[in-house]
Amino acid sequence: MSRNVINRLGESLSPESLALIQKAGALAAERRLSVYLVGGVVRDILLGRANSDLDLVVEGSAIKLAEALAGEVGGRLVVHRRFGTAKIRARNLIIDLAMARAETYARPGALPSVRPSSIHDDLARRDFTVNAMALRLDPGSFGKLVDPFDGQPDLGRKLIRILHDRSFIDDATRMLRAVRYEQRFGFRLEVSTEKLLRQNVSMMGTISGDRIRHELELILKEEHPEKALKRAGDLGLLGEVHPALGGNGWLKKVFDKARKVASPPSPALYFALLTYRFNGPDCEDFIVRLKMPGTVSRVIRDTARLREQTPLLDRPELPPSAISGLLEEYSPTSIQACAISSDSSLVQERLNLYLTRWRHVRTGLDGRALQKLGVPSGPRLGRMLKALQDAKLDGKIETRQDETDLVQRWLSQGR
């Protein structure tokens, strides 16, 4: 088995990453420490998928090993002594080291209390069997699989299985992770795991908003996040996050369109589309519940307000200047969200024209140039600059000379 895993290590990891973990194993052996490659990277190695995450668990002092490794490879070392963890940045690689630990939960949804322990206990605290595997890195047993919970057979059966019956109670975010992995790999929830998930969906209420938001952000980073969202909706998870949330076919349509105009779409754009059909109060509830950061909150609010204004943009007689005046107060991402979501081709066209052309239109004459032409400073100057901008947007003027002639005509008319 080790030889097969070693071959797959070379397929999934870059030569630089492989050399780094080999060096870590050799340094650990010299110090009589045991070090393991753990987590999703082991799962992906067994699946033959590329993964650049290097997460190491050390039975003993992870910090001492990190200091020795950083000294050897010349990387930048960041140490968190309180948690017994360290991070090394070496060239284009990042490697995380942590001591092996066991954990207990004081109450459902609480962050765990941890204590130093063995690799077996460290794997036992993880979410699913397919993520609870490790590879030994010491030179004598390099690549040997440590699989106390039969993660490898579950990979073969394409199953997502929790490690114990209280898993979703201890940490309800695992329910969102379960559907994310299920849909990413084309797996299915193991029967008892799905049963326990459905029984415990209400435990989502024990999780803080920022932790739920983090899990949703991870879903939105998937290649096709709408798959996991639909599955989460079918399982009742989205309704526990917010009653107005859903993962229906409409969402797939707009997410597909978003990926055509932005590669990849930003989380803010995805969140705007996710909440596009919310009313104002639901948007506010969602923002507060998930403790949305200010920039994303603004996009969600702008999208909700602009959606109410889109019927105005469907009036054929509206000139570009009026459209630009209406849209200038909204964030570009919210405008993009409405362009993607609107059912009106005219609205879509106008929103896209604003994003690609109209908002970038600038006059050749600025305030100083207008003063030289005889426009006094003050409110009149501002109004004339705005009128000049509108004229250019509406195609009434094109060149700088056109602008000068128009200003002089206005002045002669006493405007």
Protein backbone atom coordinates (compact mmCIF):
# COMPACT_ATOMS: atom_id res chain seq x y z
CA MET A 1 0.00 0.00 0.00
CA SER A 2 2.81 2.43 0.89
CA ARG A 3 4.36 2.17 -2.58
CA ASN A 4 1.00 2.99 -4.18
CA VAL A 5 0.54 5.98 -1.88
CA ILE A 6 4.08 7.21 -2.59
CA ASN A 7 3.33 7.10 -6.30
CA ARG A 8 0.16 9.08 -5.75
CA LEU A 9 2.05 11.60 -3.60
CA GLY A 10 4.16 12.39 -6.62
CA GLU A 11 1.04 12.82 -8.75
CA SER A 12 -0.86 15.07 -6.34
CA LEU A 13 1.94 17.17 -4.84
CA SER A 14 4.45 19.39 -6.57
CA PRO A 15 8.12 18.31 -6.38
CA GLU A 16 8.72 21.23 -3.98
CA SER A 17 5.89 20.13 -1.67
CA LEU A 18 7.07 16.52 -1.72
CA ALA A 19 10.64 17.54 -0.86
CA LEU A 20 9.36 19.73 1.97
CA ILE A 21 7.38 16.98 3.70
CA GLN A 22 10.27 14.55 3.25
CA LYS A 23 12.54 17.08 4.97
CA ALA A 24 9.97 17.48 7.76
CA GLY A 25 9.90 13.70 8.27
CA ALA A 26 13.69 13.47 8.43
CA LEU A 27 13.99 16.35 10.93
CA ALA A 28 11.23 14.85 13.09
CA ALA A 29 12.99 11.46 13.17
CA GLU A 30 16.22 13.13 14.29
CA ARG A 31 14.30 14.66 17.21
CA ARG A 32 12.37 11.48 18.01
CA LEU A 33 9.11 13.09 17.01
CA SER A 34 6.38 11.54 14.87
CA VAL A 35 4.96 13.72 12.11
CA TYR A 36 2.04 13.04 9.76
CA LEU A 37 0.47 14.62 6.70
CA VAL A 38 -3.22 14.93 7.54
CA GLY A 39 -6.63 16.09 6.39
CA GLY A 40 -8.03 16.82 2.97
CA VAL A 41 -4.68 16.53 1.22
CA VAL A 42 -4.49 12.83 2.18
CA ARG A 43 -8.02 12.28 0.87
CA ASP A 44 -7.14 14.00 -2.40
CA ILE A 45 -3.89 12.06 -2.78
CA LEU A 46 -5.88 8.82 -2.54
CA LEU A 47 -8.37 10.19 -5.06
CA GLY A 48 -5.58 11.25 -7.42
CA ARG A 49 -6.53 14.93 -7.16
CA ALA A 50 -4.08 17.82 -6.90
CA ASN A 51 -3.92 19.60 -3.55
CA SER A 52 -1.40 22.17 -2.38
CA ASP A 53 -2.45 22.21 1.30
CA LEU A 54 0.31 20.94 3.57
CA ASP A 55 -1.11 20.28 7.04
CA LEU A 56 1.18 18.39 9.40
CA VAL A 57 0.38 16.96 12.83
CA VAL A 58 3.20 16.28 15.25
CA GLU A 59 3.13 13.94 18.21
CA GLY A 60 5.19 16.21 20.42
CA SER A 61 6.24 19.82 19.90
CA ALA A 62 5.08 21.10 16.53
CA ILE A 63 6.81 24.41 17.25
CA LYS A 64 10.23 22.81 17.72
CA LEU A 65 9.87 20.93 14.45
CA ALA A 66 8.65 24.08 12.70
CA GLU A 67 11.66 26.04 13.93
CA ALA A 68 14.04 23.37 12.66
CA LEU A 69 12.23 23.10 9.31
CA ALA A 70 12.16 26.85 8.78
CA GLY A 71 15.87 26.98 9.50
CA GLU A 72 16.53 24.33 6.87
CA VAL A 73 14.35 25.71 4.08
CA GLY A 74 14.78 29.41 4.82
CA GLY A 75 11.09 30.08 5.21
CA ARG A 76 9.27 32.73 7.23
CA LEU A 77 8.02 31.27 10.49
CA VAL A 78 4.95 32.39 12.45
CA VAL A 79 4.41 30.69 15.82
CA HIS A 80 1.31 30.57 18.02
CA ARG A 81 2.65 29.14 21.27
CA ARG A 82 -0.71 29.32 23.03
CA PHE A 83 -2.18 26.84 20.55
CA GLY A 84 0.96 24.84 19.84
CA THR A 85 0.83 25.66 16.13
CA ALA A 86 3.13 27.20 13.55
CA LYS A 87 3.05 28.28 9.91
CA ILE A 88 5.97 28.38 7.48
CA ARG A 89 5.98 30.34 4.24
CA ALA A 90 8.77 29.13 2.00
CA ARG A 91 8.87 30.42 -1.56
CA ASN A 92 5.40 29.65 -2.97
CA LEU A 93 4.56 27.07 -0.32
CA ILE A 94 2.69 27.32 2.96
CA ILE A 95 2.96 24.56 5.55
CA ASP A 96 0.91 24.40 8.76
CA LEU A 97 2.12 22.39 11.74
CA ALA A 98 0.10 21.56 14.85
CA MET A 99 0.55 19.28 17.81
CA ALA A 100 -1.63 16.18 17.89
CA ARG A 101 -4.60 16.92 20.10
CA ALA A 102 -7.84 15.57 21.49
CA GLU A 103 -10.89 17.76 21.99
CA THR A 104 -14.08 17.92 24.00
CA TYR A 105 -17.19 20.09 23.64
CA ALA A 106 -18.65 21.80 26.71
CA ARG A 107 -21.97 22.28 24.91
CA PRO A 108 -23.39 21.93 21.38
CA GLY A 109 -22.02 24.57 19.05
CA ALA A 110 -19.25 25.67 21.41
CA LEU A 111 -15.66 25.77 20.25
CA PRO A 112 -13.83 22.71 21.54
CA SER A 113 -11.38 22.47 24.43
CA VAL A 114 -8.18 20.74 23.34
CA ARG A 115 -5.30 18.92 24.99
CA PRO A 116 -2.11 17.32 23.62
CA SER A 117 -2.63 13.72 22.55
CA SER A 118 -1.90 11.09 19.90
CA ILE A 119 -2.45 10.98 16.14
CA HIS A 120 -5.38 8.59 16.72
CA ASP A 121 -7.11 11.12 18.98
CA ASP A 122 -6.30 13.90 16.54
CA LEU A 123 -7.96 12.04 13.69
CA ALA A 124 -10.91 11.17 15.94
CA ARG A 125 -11.80 14.86 16.34
CA ARG A 126 -12.26 15.36 12.59
CA ASP A 127 -15.52 15.62 10.68
CA PHE A 128 -15.74 12.66 8.28
CA THR A 129 -13.94 9.37 7.79
CA VAL A 130 -12.55 10.49 4.43
CA ASN A 131 -10.89 13.44 6.19
CA ALA A 132 -9.66 11.38 9.16
CA MET A 133 -6.62 9.78 7.53
CA ALA A 134 -2.92 10.52 7.84
CA LEU A 135 0.33 9.60 6.10
CA ARG A 136 3.46 8.93 8.12
CA LEU A 137 6.42 11.04 7.06
CA ASP A 138 9.32 9.48 8.95
CA PRO A 139 11.90 8.04 6.51
CA GLY A 140 11.42 4.42 7.67
CA SER A 141 7.66 4.44 7.05
CA PHE A 142 7.22 7.32 4.61
CA GLY A 143 3.80 7.20 2.95
CA LYS A 144 2.29 4.61 5.29
CA LEU A 145 -1.44 5.23 5.64
CA VAL A 146 -2.95 5.69 9.10
CA ASP A 147 -6.68 5.04 8.73
CA PRO A 148 -8.32 4.12 12.04
CA PHE A 149 -11.87 4.97 10.87
CA ASP A 150 -11.86 3.26 7.45
CA GLY A 151 -11.78 6.44 5.40
CA GLN A 152 -10.14 4.71 2.47
CA PRO A 153 -12.94 2.13 2.06
CA ASP A 154 -15.47 4.99 2.25
CA LEU A 155 -13.59 6.75 -0.54
CA GLY A 156 -13.96 3.61 -2.62
CA ARG A 157 -17.67 3.45 -1.84
CA LYS A 158 -18.04 7.20 -2.44
CA LEU A 159 -19.53 7.84 0.98
CA ILE A 160 -19.47 10.79 3.36
CA ARG A 161 -19.70 9.33 6.86
CA ILE A 162 -19.41 11.03 10.26
CA LEU A 163 -17.17 9.49 12.92
CA HIS A 164 -19.70 9.30 15.75
CA ASP A 165 -23.39 9.86 16.42
CA ARG A 166 -22.91 13.21 18.22
CA SER A 167 -20.84 14.72 15.43
CA PHE A 168 -23.55 17.06 14.12
CA ILE A 169 -24.62 17.96 17.65
CA ASP A 170 -21.09 18.90 18.71
CA ASP A 171 -20.54 21.01 15.60
CA ALA A 172 -23.50 21.67 13.31
CA THR A 173 -21.31 23.35 10.66
CA ARG A 174 -20.33 19.80 9.72
CA MET A 175 -23.75 19.46 8.10
CA LEU A 176 -22.89 22.19 5.58
CA ARG A 177 -19.47 20.65 5.04
CA ALA A 178 -21.07 17.25 4.46
CA VAL A 179 -23.13 18.51 1.51
CA ARG A 180 -20.16 20.50 0.18
CA TYR A 181 -17.95 17.41 0.01
CA GLU A 182 -20.80 15.22 -1.20
CA GLN A 183 -21.46 17.48 -4.17
CA ARG A 184 -17.81 18.29 -4.92
CA PHE A 185 -16.84 14.63 -5.29
CA GLY A 186 -20.11 13.22 -6.56
CA PHE A 187 -20.39 11.14 -3.38
CA ARG A 188 -23.47 10.49 -1.25
CA LEU A 189 -24.18 10.76 2.44
CA GLU A 190 -23.93 7.38 4.18
CA VAL A 191 -27.43 6.27 5.23
CA SER A 192 -27.08 6.71 8.99
CA THR A 193 -25.17 9.96 8.47
CA GLU A 194 -27.99 11.43 6.40
CA LYS A 195 -30.54 10.22 8.95
CA LEU A 196 -28.66 11.91 11.79
CA LEU A 197 -28.26 15.07 9.74
CA ARG A 198 -31.98 15.31 9.09
CA GLN A 199 -32.69 14.68 12.78
CA ASN A 200 -30.31 17.43 13.87
CA VAL A 201 -30.88 20.28 11.38
CA SER A 202 -32.21 22.44 14.22
CA MET A 203 -28.72 22.37 15.74
CA MET A 204 -27.75 24.99 13.14
CA GLY A 205 -29.27 27.39 15.63
CA THR A 206 -26.41 26.67 18.05
CA ILE A 207 -23.79 28.02 15.62
CA SER A 208 -22.67 31.64 15.51
CA GLY A 209 -23.45 33.64 12.40
CA ASP A 210 -19.85 34.21 11.40
CA ARG A 211 -19.12 30.45 11.49
CA ILE A 212 -22.15 29.76 9.30
CA ARG A 213 -21.09 32.54 6.92
CA HIS A 214 -17.63 31.00 6.68
CA GLU A 215 -19.13 27.65 5.67
CA LEU A 216 -21.34 29.35 3.06
CA GLU A 217 -18.29 31.19 1.71
CA LEU A 218 -16.53 27.86 1.30
CA ILE A 219 -19.54 26.49 -0.57
CA LEU A 220 -19.52 29.55 -2.83
CA LYS A 221 -15.88 28.84 -3.70
CA GLU A 222 -16.85 25.47 -5.17
CA GLU A 223 -16.92 25.07 -8.94
CA HIS A 224 -20.71 24.69 -8.90
CA PRO A 225 -21.93 25.97 -5.51
CA GLU A 226 -25.58 25.74 -6.53
CA LYS A 227 -25.36 21.93 -6.29
CA ALA A 228 -24.46 22.03 -2.61
CA LEU A 229 -26.99 24.80 -1.97
CA LYS A 230 -29.79 22.80 -3.57
CA ARG A 231 -28.85 19.73 -1.55
CA ALA A 232 -28.66 21.84 1.62
CA GLY A 233 -32.09 23.23 0.80
CA ASP A 234 -33.55 19.76 0.23
CA LEU A 235 -32.16 18.61 3.58
CA GLY A 236 -33.67 21.60 5.40
CA LEU A 237 -30.33 23.21 6.23
CA LEU A 238 -30.82 26.46 4.33
CA GLY A 239 -34.14 27.09 5.99
CA GLU A 240 -32.38 26.83 9.36
CA VAL A 241 -29.84 29.44 8.23
CA HIS A 242 -32.64 31.76 7.09
CA PRO A 243 -36.27 30.94 6.19
CA ALA A 244 -36.08 32.83 2.89
CA LEU A 245 -33.05 30.90 1.61
CA GLY A 246 -33.44 28.32 -1.12
CA GLY A 247 -31.33 26.42 -3.64
CA ASN A 248 -33.78 26.16 -6.54
CA GLY A 249 -33.40 25.94 -10.30
CA TRP A 250 -33.49 29.73 -10.69
CA LEU A 251 -30.34 29.95 -8.62
CA LYS A 252 -28.55 27.55 -10.96
CA LYS A 253 -29.52 29.75 -13.92
CA VAL A 254 -28.16 32.97 -12.43
CA PHE A 255 -25.05 31.30 -11.00
CA ASP A 256 -24.31 29.94 -14.49
CA LYS A 257 -24.65 33.46 -15.91
CA ALA A 258 -22.44 34.88 -13.14
CA ARG A 259 -19.63 32.50 -14.07
CA LYS A 260 -19.80 33.69 -17.67
CA VAL A 261 -19.28 37.34 -16.73
CA ALA A 262 -16.88 36.88 -13.80
CA SER A 263 -14.29 34.14 -13.44
CA PRO A 264 -14.68 33.30 -10.69
CA PRO A 265 -17.59 35.33 -9.28
CA SER A 266 -16.80 37.12 -6.05
CA PRO A 267 -18.48 35.96 -2.82
CA ALA A 268 -20.27 39.33 -2.74
CA LEU A 269 -21.81 38.70 -6.17
CA TYR A 270 -22.88 35.20 -5.18
CA PHE A 271 -24.42 36.49 -1.93
CA ALA A 272 -26.27 39.20 -3.87
CA LEU A 273 -27.73 36.57 -6.20
CA LEU A 274 -28.50 34.27 -3.29
CA THR A 275 -30.57 37.02 -1.64
CA TYR A 276 -31.87 38.68 -4.83
CA ARG A 277 -35.48 37.67 -4.23
CA PHE A 278 -35.44 38.64 -0.55
CA ASN A 279 -37.52 41.59 0.61
CA GLY A 280 -35.85 44.39 2.57
CA PRO A 281 -36.47 43.01 6.08
CA ASP A 282 -35.26 39.55 5.06
CA CYS A 283 -32.05 41.09 3.69
CA GLU A 284 -31.44 42.85 6.98
CA ASP A 285 -32.17 39.68 8.97
CA PHE A 286 -29.75 37.73 6.77
CA ILE A 287 -27.01 40.36 7.15
CA VAL A 288 -27.39 40.44 10.92
CA ARG A 289 -27.71 36.66 11.33
CA LEU A 290 -24.54 35.95 9.36
CA LYS A 291 -22.63 39.00 10.63
CA MET A 292 -21.84 40.04 7.08
CA PRO A 293 -18.83 42.34 6.62
CA GLY A 294 -19.56 45.89 5.52
CA THR A 295 -18.65 45.54 1.84
CA VAL A 296 -20.87 42.48 1.32
CA SER A 297 -23.66 44.03 3.38
CA ARG A 298 -23.64 47.06 1.12
CA VAL A 299 -23.85 44.90 -2.01
CA ILE A 300 -26.80 42.93 -0.61
CA ARG A 301 -28.64 46.12 0.40
CA ASP A 302 -27.86 47.87 -2.89
CA THR A 303 -29.09 44.87 -4.86
CA ALA A 304 -32.38 44.84 -2.96
CA ARG A 305 -32.90 48.59 -3.50
CA LEU A 306 -31.89 48.53 -7.16
CA ARG A 307 -34.17 45.59 -7.88
CA GLU A 308 -37.07 47.83 -6.86
CA GLN A 309 -35.87 50.48 -9.32
CA THR A 310 -35.44 48.23 -12.35
CA PRO A 311 -38.97 48.92 -13.73
CA LEU A 312 -37.80 52.51 -14.33
CA LEU A 313 -34.93 51.19 -16.43
CA ASP A 314 -37.41 49.35 -18.64
CA ARG A 315 -38.79 52.61 -20.08
CA PRO A 316 -37.54 52.86 -23.70
CA GLU A 317 -37.41 56.68 -23.74
CA LEU A 318 -34.95 56.91 -20.83
CA PRO A 319 -31.62 58.43 -22.03
CA PRO A 320 -28.19 57.21 -20.89
CA SER A 321 -27.71 60.29 -18.72
CA ALA A 322 -30.87 59.54 -16.72
CA ILE A 323 -29.87 55.88 -16.36
CA SER A 324 -26.38 56.85 -15.19
CA GLY A 325 -27.83 59.32 -12.70
CA LEU A 326 -29.99 56.56 -11.27
CA LEU A 327 -27.19 53.99 -11.04
CA GLU A 328 -24.27 56.06 -9.80
CA GLU A 329 -25.16 55.55 -6.13
CA TYR A 330 -25.09 51.74 -6.37
CA SER A 331 -22.07 49.45 -6.09
CA PRO A 332 -20.91 47.86 -9.37
CA THR A 333 -21.40 44.36 -7.93
CA SER A 334 -25.04 45.07 -7.10
CA ILE A 335 -25.58 46.40 -10.62
CA GLN A 336 -23.99 43.24 -12.01
CA ALA A 337 -26.27 41.10 -9.82
CA CYS A 338 -29.36 42.88 -11.14
CA ALA A 339 -28.13 42.62 -14.74
CA ILE A 340 -27.75 38.88 -14.28
CA SER A 341 -31.09 38.42 -12.52
CA SER A 342 -33.46 40.74 -14.41
CA ASP A 343 -36.01 39.17 -16.73
CA SER A 344 -35.99 42.21 -19.01
CA SER A 345 -33.49 42.18 -21.87
CA LEU A 346 -33.64 46.00 -22.05
CA VAL A 347 -32.81 46.32 -18.34
CA GLN A 348 -29.98 43.82 -18.71
CA GLU A 349 -28.60 45.73 -21.70
CA ARG A 350 -28.72 49.09 -19.93
CA LEU A 351 -27.15 47.82 -16.73
CA ASN A 352 -24.33 46.22 -18.69
CA LEU A 353 -23.83 49.36 -20.78
CA TYR A 354 -23.50 51.37 -17.60
CA LEU A 355 -20.93 48.93 -16.19
CA THR A 356 -18.85 48.67 -19.37
CA ARG A 357 -19.19 52.15 -20.91
CA TRP A 358 -21.32 54.86 -19.40
CA ARG A 359 -19.77 54.99 -15.92
CA HIS A 360 -16.36 55.50 -17.54
CA VAL A 361 -17.41 58.48 -19.70
CA ARG A 362 -15.50 61.65 -18.81
CA THR A 363 -15.64 65.11 -20.30
CA GLY A 364 -12.51 66.74 -21.64
CA LEU A 365 -13.24 69.95 -19.75
CA ASP A 366 -12.94 70.02 -15.97
CA GLY A 367 -13.88 72.72 -13.45
CA ARG A 368 -10.71 74.71 -14.01
CA ALA A 369 -11.23 74.72 -17.77
CA LEU A 370 -14.80 75.97 -17.32
CA GLN A 371 -13.61 78.79 -15.10
CA LYS A 372 -11.17 79.87 -17.80
CA LEU A 373 -14.11 80.00 -20.20
CA GLY A 374 -15.89 82.37 -17.82
CA VAL A 375 -17.98 80.08 -15.59
CA PRO A 376 -17.78 81.37 -12.00
CA SER A 377 -17.00 78.96 -9.18
CA GLY A 378 -19.91 77.79 -7.07
CA PRO A 379 -23.13 75.83 -7.60
CA ARG A 380 -23.45 77.03 -11.18
CA LEU A 381 -20.10 75.46 -12.05
CA GLY A 382 -21.23 72.12 -10.61
CA ARG A 383 -24.50 72.22 -12.51
CA MET A 384 -22.72 73.01 -15.76
CA LEU A 385 -20.23 70.17 -15.30
CA LYS A 386 -23.14 67.80 -14.71
CA ALA A 387 -24.99 69.08 -17.77
CA LEU A 388 -21.84 68.69 -19.85
CA GLN A 389 -21.43 65.10 -18.63
CA ASP A 390 -25.07 64.34 -19.49
CA ALA A 391 -24.67 65.80 -22.96
CA LYS A 392 -21.68 63.60 -23.63
CA LEU A 393 -23.48 60.49 -22.33
CA ASP A 394 -26.44 61.21 -24.58
CA GLY A 395 -24.22 61.65 -27.66
CA LYS A 396 -24.94 65.36 -28.10
CA ILE A 397 -21.24 66.18 -27.99
CA GLU A 398 -18.15 64.13 -28.77
CA THR A 399 -14.95 66.18 -28.90
CA ARG A 400 -13.40 68.70 -26.52
CA GLN A 401 -14.20 71.42 -29.06
CA ASP A 402 -17.86 70.31 -28.98
CA GLU A 403 -17.77 70.75 -25.22
CA THR A 404 -16.21 74.22 -25.48
CA ASP A 405 -18.77 75.34 -28.06
CA LEU A 406 -21.64 74.08 -25.89
CA VAL A 407 -20.36 75.88 -22.77
CA GLN A 408 -19.94 79.12 -24.71
CA ARG A 409 -23.45 78.83 -26.10
CA TRP A 410 -24.81 78.30 -22.57
CA LEU A 411 -22.92 81.35 -21.34
CA SER A 412 -24.26 83.49 -24.19
CA GLN A 413 -27.76 82.37 -23.24
CA GLY A 414 -27.16 83.33 -19.62
CA ARG A 415 -27.55 79.77 -18.47
